[in-house]
Amino acid sequence: MTNESKALKEIHDIRLRIYEETRDLTPKQRAELTSSIVREFEQKSGVTFRRLETTQRSSQRKEVCEV
């Protein structure tokens, strides 16, 4: 097995694990989980991402803050 094949297998395994852990989440739960992961990453890395305030309709989104 080549290094590339090993890397692709590892990526596949990680994606499969994430799918298994999140497949039964509602869209709201998935959004909350993603937000918490992003906040944790921001704290550890010092990077800040732009946030969008979402409403029921994506056409009505407005920016809340910028990077």
C-alpha atoms as a PDB file:
ATOM      1  CA  MET A   1       0.000   0.000   0.000  1.00  0.00           C
ATOM      2  CA  THR A   2       1.461   3.370  -0.952  1.00  0.00           C
ATOM      3  CA  ASN A   3       1.620   6.408   1.311  1.00  0.00           C
ATOM      4  CA  GLU A   4      -1.164   8.061  -0.685  1.00  0.00           C
ATOM      5  CA  SER A   5      -3.391   5.010  -0.293  1.00  0.00           C
ATOM      6  CA  LYS A   6      -2.736   4.968   3.455  1.00  0.00           C
ATOM      7  CA  ALA A   7      -3.577   8.673   3.707  1.00  0.00           C
ATOM      8  CA  LEU A   8      -6.794   8.241   1.720  1.00  0.00           C
ATOM      9  CA  LYS A   9      -7.797   5.271   3.873  1.00  0.00           C
ATOM     10  CA  GLU A  10      -7.164   7.313   7.014  1.00  0.00           C
ATOM     11  CA  ILE A  11      -9.270  10.203   5.651  1.00  0.00           C
ATOM     12  CA  HIS A  12     -12.029   7.744   4.752  1.00  0.00           C
ATOM     13  CA  ASP A  13     -11.929   6.210   8.246  1.00  0.00           C
ATOM     14  CA  ILE A  14     -12.129   9.645   9.898  1.00  0.00           C
ATOM     15  CA  ARG A  15     -15.038  10.718   7.700  1.00  0.00           C
ATOM     16  CA  LEU A  16     -16.845   7.449   8.412  1.00  0.00           C
ATOM     17  CA  ARG A  17     -16.341   7.916  12.180  1.00  0.00           C
ATOM     18  CA  ILE A  18     -17.683  11.475  11.998  1.00  0.00           C
ATOM     19  CA  TYR A  19     -20.692  10.273   9.993  1.00  0.00           C
ATOM     20  CA  GLU A  20     -21.424   7.534  12.520  1.00  0.00           C
ATOM     21  CA  GLU A  21     -21.240  10.044  15.395  1.00  0.00           C
ATOM     22  CA  THR A  22     -23.491  12.634  13.751  1.00  0.00           C
ATOM     23  CA  ARG A  23     -25.936  10.770  11.520  1.00  0.00           C
ATOM     24  CA  ASP A  24     -28.812  10.855  14.006  1.00  0.00           C
ATOM     25  CA  LEU A  25     -28.513  14.566  14.824  1.00  0.00           C
ATOM     26  CA  THR A  26     -31.206  17.016  13.844  1.00  0.00           C
ATOM     27  CA  PRO A  27     -30.130  19.943  11.671  1.00  0.00           C
ATOM     28  CA  LYS A  28     -30.241  22.192  14.746  1.00  0.00           C
ATOM     29  CA  GLN A  29     -28.075  19.799  16.781  1.00  0.00           C
ATOM     30  CA  ARG A  30     -25.618  19.506  13.885  1.00  0.00           C
ATOM     31  CA  ALA A  31     -25.377  23.319  13.647  1.00  0.00           C
ATOM     32  CA  GLU A  32     -24.805  23.613  17.411  1.00  0.00           C
ATOM     33  CA  LEU A  33     -22.101  20.928  17.292  1.00  0.00           C
ATOM     34  CA  THR A  34     -20.384  22.621  14.360  1.00  0.00           C
ATOM     35  CA  SER A  35     -20.495  25.979  16.140  1.00  0.00           C
ATOM     36  CA  SER A  36     -18.935  24.543  19.279  1.00  0.00           C
ATOM     37  CA  ILE A  37     -16.171  22.854  17.273  1.00  0.00           C
ATOM     38  CA  VAL A  38     -15.450  26.126  15.449  1.00  0.00           C
ATOM     39  CA  ARG A  39     -15.372  28.111  18.725  1.00  0.00           C
ATOM     40  CA  GLU A  40     -12.938  25.591  20.220  1.00  0.00           C
ATOM     41  CA  PHE A  41     -10.723  25.768  17.118  1.00  0.00           C
ATOM     42  CA  GLU A  42     -10.779  29.581  17.220  1.00  0.00           C
ATOM     43  CA  GLN A  43      -9.677  29.598  20.861  1.00  0.00           C
ATOM     44  CA  LYS A  44      -6.846  27.138  20.276  1.00  0.00           C
ATOM     45  CA  SER A  45      -5.552  28.661  17.042  1.00  0.00           C
ATOM     46  CA  GLY A  46      -6.272  32.361  17.522  1.00  0.00           C
ATOM     47  CA  VAL A  47      -8.132  32.461  14.194  1.00  0.00           C
ATOM     48  CA  THR A  48     -11.540  34.141  14.003  1.00  0.00           C
ATOM     49  CA  PHE A  49     -14.150  33.288  11.403  1.00  0.00           C
ATOM     50  CA  ARG A  50     -16.863  35.573  10.092  1.00  0.00           C
ATOM     51  CA  ARG A  51     -20.283  34.676  11.474  1.00  0.00           C
ATOM     52  CA  LEU A  52     -23.595  34.885   9.703  1.00  0.00           C
ATOM     53  CA  GLU A  53     -26.849  35.336  11.531  1.00  0.00           C
ATOM     54  CA  THR A  54     -29.232  32.899   9.932  1.00  0.00           C
ATOM     55  CA  THR A  55     -32.975  33.115   9.648  1.00  0.00           C
ATOM     56  CA  GLN A  56     -35.546  30.737   8.237  1.00  0.00           C
ATOM     57  CA  ARG A  57     -34.671  31.853   4.708  1.00  0.00           C
ATOM     58  CA  SER A  58     -31.103  31.852   3.469  1.00  0.00           C
ATOM     59  CA  SER A  59     -31.933  34.860   1.278  1.00  0.00           C
ATOM     60  CA  GLN A  60     -32.420  36.896   4.470  1.00  0.00           C
ATOM     61  CA  ARG A  61     -28.978  36.170   6.002  1.00  0.00           C
ATOM     62  CA  LYS A  62     -27.047  39.131   7.259  1.00  0.00           C
ATOM     63  CA  GLU A  63     -23.475  39.420   8.432  1.00  0.00           C
ATOM     64  CA  VAL A  64     -23.011  39.832  12.162  1.00  0.00           C
ATOM     65  CA  CYS A  65     -19.261  40.317  12.351  1.00  0.00           C
ATOM     66  CA  GLU A  66     -16.249  40.139  10.092  1.00  0.00           C
ATOM     67  CA  VAL A  67     -12.761  38.709  10.417  1.00  0.00           C
END
